[in-house]
C-alpha atoms as a PDB file:
ATOM      1  CA  MET A   1     -26.501 -16.741 -39.964  1.00  0.00           C
ATOM      2  CA  LYS A   2     -26.231 -17.472 -36.243  1.00  0.00           C
ATOM      3  CA  LYS A   3     -22.855 -19.170 -36.762  1.00  0.00           C
ATOM      4  CA  ILE A   4     -21.505 -16.146 -38.638  1.00  0.00           C
ATOM      5  CA  ALA A   5     -22.636 -13.767 -35.867  1.00  0.00           C
ATOM      6  CA  LEU A   6     -21.058 -15.983 -33.189  1.00  0.00           C
ATOM      7  CA  ALA A   7     -17.812 -16.254 -35.163  1.00  0.00           C
ATOM      8  CA  ALA A   8     -17.713 -12.455 -35.640  1.00  0.00           C
ATOM      9  CA  ALA A   9     -18.346 -11.874 -31.922  1.00  0.00           C
ATOM     10  CA  ALA A  10     -15.606 -14.353 -30.966  1.00  0.00           C
ATOM     11  CA  ALA A  11     -13.157 -12.708 -33.392  1.00  0.00           C
ATOM     12  CA  MET A  12     -13.883  -9.236 -31.956  1.00  0.00           C
ATOM     13  CA  MET A  13     -13.379 -10.486 -28.391  1.00  0.00           C
ATOM     14  CA  ALA A  14     -10.069 -12.110 -29.345  1.00  0.00           C
ATOM     15  CA  ALA A  15      -8.947  -8.958 -31.158  1.00  0.00           C
ATOM     16  CA  GLY A  16      -9.841  -6.798 -28.141  1.00  0.00           C
ATOM     17  CA  THR A  17      -7.697  -8.978 -25.913  1.00  0.00           C
ATOM     18  CA  ALA A  18      -4.812  -8.959 -28.379  1.00  0.00           C
ATOM     19  CA  LEU A  19      -4.953  -5.176 -28.711  1.00  0.00           C
ATOM     20  CA  ALA A  20      -4.648  -4.469 -24.962  1.00  0.00           C
ATOM     21  CA  ASP A  21      -1.671  -2.213 -24.268  1.00  0.00           C
ATOM     22  CA  PRO A  22       1.026  -3.825 -22.090  1.00  0.00           C
ATOM     23  CA  VAL A  23       0.925  -0.867 -19.663  1.00  0.00           C
ATOM     24  CA  GLU A  24      -2.647  -1.767 -18.658  1.00  0.00           C
ATOM     25  CA  GLY A  25      -3.032  -3.410 -15.265  1.00  0.00           C
ATOM     26  CA  VAL A  26      -2.227  -2.713 -11.625  1.00  0.00           C
ATOM     27  CA  TRP A  27       1.154  -1.280 -10.596  1.00  0.00           C
ATOM     28  CA  GLN A  28       2.726  -0.717  -7.178  1.00  0.00           C
ATOM     29  CA  THR A  29       4.374   2.653  -6.640  1.00  0.00           C
ATOM     30  CA  GLN A  30       7.594   3.171  -4.726  1.00  0.00           C
ATOM     31  CA  PRO A  31       7.126   4.552  -1.201  1.00  0.00           C
ATOM     32  CA  ASP A  32       6.792   8.348  -1.038  1.00  0.00           C
ATOM     33  CA  ASP A  33       6.750   9.882   2.444  1.00  0.00           C
ATOM     34  CA  GLY A  34       6.403   6.332   3.847  1.00  0.00           C
ATOM     35  CA  LYS A  35       3.292   5.497   1.814  1.00  0.00           C
ATOM     36  CA  PHE A  36       2.732   3.622  -1.429  1.00  0.00           C
ATOM     37  CA  ALA A  37      -0.227   2.720  -3.619  1.00  0.00           C
ATOM     38  CA  HIS A  38      -1.588   0.323  -6.183  1.00  0.00           C
ATOM     39  CA  VAL A  39      -2.484   2.186  -9.370  1.00  0.00           C
ATOM     40  CA  ARG A  40      -4.742   0.766 -12.085  1.00  0.00           C
ATOM     41  CA  MET A  41      -3.578   1.848 -15.545  1.00  0.00           C
ATOM     42  CA  ALA A  42      -6.366   1.863 -18.145  1.00  0.00           C
ATOM     43  CA  PRO A  43      -7.264   3.645 -21.385  1.00  0.00           C
ATOM     44  CA  CYS A  44      -8.708   7.163 -21.086  1.00  0.00           C
ATOM     45  CA  GLY A  45      -9.529   8.318 -24.582  1.00  0.00           C
ATOM     46  CA  PRO A  46      -6.445   8.039 -26.821  1.00  0.00           C
ATOM     47  CA  ALA A  47      -4.136   7.930 -23.773  1.00  0.00           C
ATOM     48  CA  PHE A  48      -3.711   6.018 -20.494  1.00  0.00           C
ATOM     49  CA  CYS A  49      -4.563   7.136 -16.990  1.00  0.00           C
ATOM     50  CA  GLY A  50      -3.745   5.594 -13.640  1.00  0.00           C
ATOM     51  CA  LYS A  51      -6.099   5.749 -10.654  1.00  0.00           C
ATOM     52  CA  ILE A  52      -5.202   4.884  -7.084  1.00  0.00           C
ATOM     53  CA  VAL A  53      -7.107   1.712  -6.140  1.00  0.00           C
ATOM     54  CA  ARG A  54      -5.370   0.768  -2.858  1.00  0.00           C
ATOM     55  CA  ALA A  55      -3.157   2.657  -0.392  1.00  0.00           C
ATOM     56  CA  PHE A  56      -0.606   1.417   2.138  1.00  0.00           C
ATOM     57  CA  LYS A  57       1.431   2.908   5.002  1.00  0.00           C
ATOM     58  CA  ASP A  58       3.359   1.821   8.100  1.00  0.00           C
ATOM     59  CA  GLY A  59       5.314  -1.003   6.483  1.00  0.00           C
ATOM     60  CA  GLY A  60       2.543  -2.213   4.190  1.00  0.00           C
ATOM     61  CA  ASN A  61      -0.676  -1.832   6.187  1.00  0.00           C
ATOM     62  CA  GLU A  62      -3.593  -0.971   3.917  1.00  0.00           C
ATOM     63  CA  TYR A  63      -5.610   2.104   4.863  1.00  0.00           C
ATOM     64  CA  LYS A  64      -8.444   4.284   3.546  1.00  0.00           C
ATOM     65  CA  SER A  65      -6.469   7.110   1.973  1.00  0.00           C
ATOM     66  CA  PRO A  66      -8.347  10.251   0.927  1.00  0.00           C
ATOM     67  CA  ASN A  67      -6.562   9.771  -2.430  1.00  0.00           C
ATOM     68  CA  LEU A  68      -8.344   6.508  -3.307  1.00  0.00           C
ATOM     69  CA  GLY A  69      -9.961   6.858  -6.724  1.00  0.00           C
ATOM     70  CA  LYS A  70      -7.882   9.897  -7.670  1.00  0.00           C
ATOM     71  CA  THR A  71      -5.952  10.013 -10.939  1.00  0.00           C
ATOM     72  CA  LEU A  72      -2.189   9.852 -10.437  1.00  0.00           C
ATOM     73  CA  VAL A  73      -1.126   9.282 -14.073  1.00  0.00           C
ATOM     74  CA  ILE A  74      -2.830  11.704 -16.447  1.00  0.00           C
ATOM     75  CA  ASP A  75      -3.246  11.408 -20.225  1.00  0.00           C
ATOM     76  CA  MET A  76      -0.087   9.389 -20.946  1.00  0.00           C
ATOM     77  CA  LYS A  77       0.063   9.011 -24.710  1.00  0.00           C
ATOM     78  CA  PRO A  78       2.037   6.133 -26.246  1.00  0.00           C
ATOM     79  CA  GLU A  79       5.067   7.210 -28.247  1.00  0.00           C
ATOM     80  CA  GLY A  80       6.237   3.751 -29.314  1.00  0.00           C
ATOM     81  CA  GLY A  81       8.908   1.459 -27.915  1.00  0.00           C
ATOM     82  CA  GLY A  82       7.239   1.369 -24.471  1.00  0.00           C
ATOM     83  CA  ALA A  83       7.525   5.160 -24.025  1.00  0.00           C
ATOM     84  CA  TYR A  84       4.636   7.414 -22.938  1.00  0.00           C
ATOM     85  CA  LYS A  85       4.279  11.180 -22.341  1.00  0.00           C
ATOM     86  CA  GLY A  86       1.695  13.000 -20.274  1.00  0.00           C
ATOM     87  CA  ARG A  87       1.420  14.301 -16.720  1.00  0.00           C
ATOM     88  CA  VAL A  88       1.718  12.888 -13.192  1.00  0.00           C
ATOM     89  CA  TRP A  89       0.255  14.051  -9.890  1.00  0.00           C
ATOM     90  CA  ARG A  90       2.248  13.786  -6.660  1.00  0.00           C
ATOM     91  CA  PRO A  91      -0.182  13.484  -3.742  1.00  0.00           C
ATOM     92  CA  SER A  92       2.372  14.397  -1.060  1.00  0.00           C
ATOM     93  CA  ASN A  93       2.636  17.978  -2.369  1.00  0.00           C
ATOM     94  CA  ASP A  94      -0.532  18.110  -4.536  1.00  0.00           C
ATOM     95  CA  LYS A  95       1.395  19.179  -7.653  1.00  0.00           C
ATOM     96  CA  ILE A  96       1.087  18.048 -11.265  1.00  0.00           C
ATOM     97  CA  TYR A  97       4.272  17.539 -13.294  1.00  0.00           C
ATOM     98  CA  LEU A  98       5.178  16.881 -16.907  1.00  0.00           C
ATOM     99  CA  GLY A  99       5.473  13.113 -17.009  1.00  0.00           C
ATOM    100  CA  LYS A 100       7.157  10.344 -18.914  1.00  0.00           C
ATOM    101  CA  MET A 101       6.876   6.587 -18.540  1.00  0.00           C
ATOM    102  CA  GLN A 102       9.055   3.817 -19.934  1.00  0.00           C
ATOM    103  CA  LEU A 103       7.731   0.263 -19.821  1.00  0.00           C
ATOM    104  CA  ASN A 104      10.249  -2.552 -19.510  1.00  0.00           C
ATOM    105  CA  GLY A 105       8.544  -5.900 -18.843  1.00  0.00           C
ATOM    106  CA  ASP A 106       7.037  -5.812 -15.356  1.00  0.00           C
ATOM    107  CA  ARG A 107       8.738  -2.521 -14.476  1.00  0.00           C
ATOM    108  CA  LEU A 108       7.454   0.944 -15.253  1.00  0.00           C
ATOM    109  CA  ALA A 109       9.880   3.856 -14.880  1.00  0.00           C
ATOM    110  CA  LEU A 110       8.106   7.185 -14.281  1.00  0.00           C
ATOM    111  CA  ARG A 111       9.528  10.696 -14.291  1.00  0.00           C
ATOM    112  CA  GLY A 112       7.836  13.867 -13.170  1.00  0.00           C
ATOM    113  CA  CYS A 113       9.575  17.064 -14.236  1.00  0.00           C
ATOM    114  CA  VAL A 114       9.371  20.845 -13.849  1.00  0.00           C
ATOM    115  CA  ALA A 115      11.269  23.706 -15.487  1.00  0.00           C
ATOM    116  CA  GLY A 116      10.941  22.160 -18.939  1.00  0.00           C
ATOM    117  CA  GLY A 117      12.462  18.887 -17.781  1.00  0.00           C
ATOM    118  CA  LEU A 118      15.492  20.347 -15.967  1.00  0.00           C
ATOM    119  CA  ILE A 119      14.393  19.140 -12.525  1.00  0.00           C
ATOM    120  CA  CYS A 120      12.908  15.644 -12.339  1.00  0.00           C
ATOM    121  CA  SER A 121      11.897  13.103  -9.758  1.00  0.00           C
ATOM    122  CA  LYS A 122      11.607   9.447 -10.689  1.00  0.00           C
ATOM    123  CA  GLN A 123      10.167   6.182  -9.464  1.00  0.00           C
ATOM    124  CA  THR A 124      10.128   2.625 -10.732  1.00  0.00           C
ATOM    125  CA  TRP A 125       6.849   0.794 -10.278  1.00  0.00           C
ATOM    126  CA  VAL A 126       6.368  -2.978 -10.382  1.00  0.00           C
ATOM    127  CA  ARG A 127       3.422  -4.828 -11.869  1.00  0.00           C
ATOM    128  CA  VAL A 128       1.000  -6.279  -9.325  1.00  0.00           C
ATOM    129  CA  LYS A 129      -1.312  -7.919 -11.891  1.00  0.00           C
END
């Protein structure tokens, strides 16, 4: 009985690892107003959210931003083929936009749009780990 329980536990752990979404992990944003961040992407319900875990300014010097711990990527739902839809927050103007992400290996292209997608801003993030 003990062997069966151990085998079941090992199988569940292996399945959990295999089922991790490739967008999960830490990503580095592009500079915005001279600052950039590391954002941890993780599941949040049926979607993915990204929280700021480190902040940098002045050519890469880490600092204690008031935005640490805040959610930058909000409820991004997978749509298949590396595409996600949700919302994104831009700290420099404190606005939330309709968002899209497209994962391509260790690059994550993000778009934040207003006016039904007519006006968009975009960034490409790179995977940190």
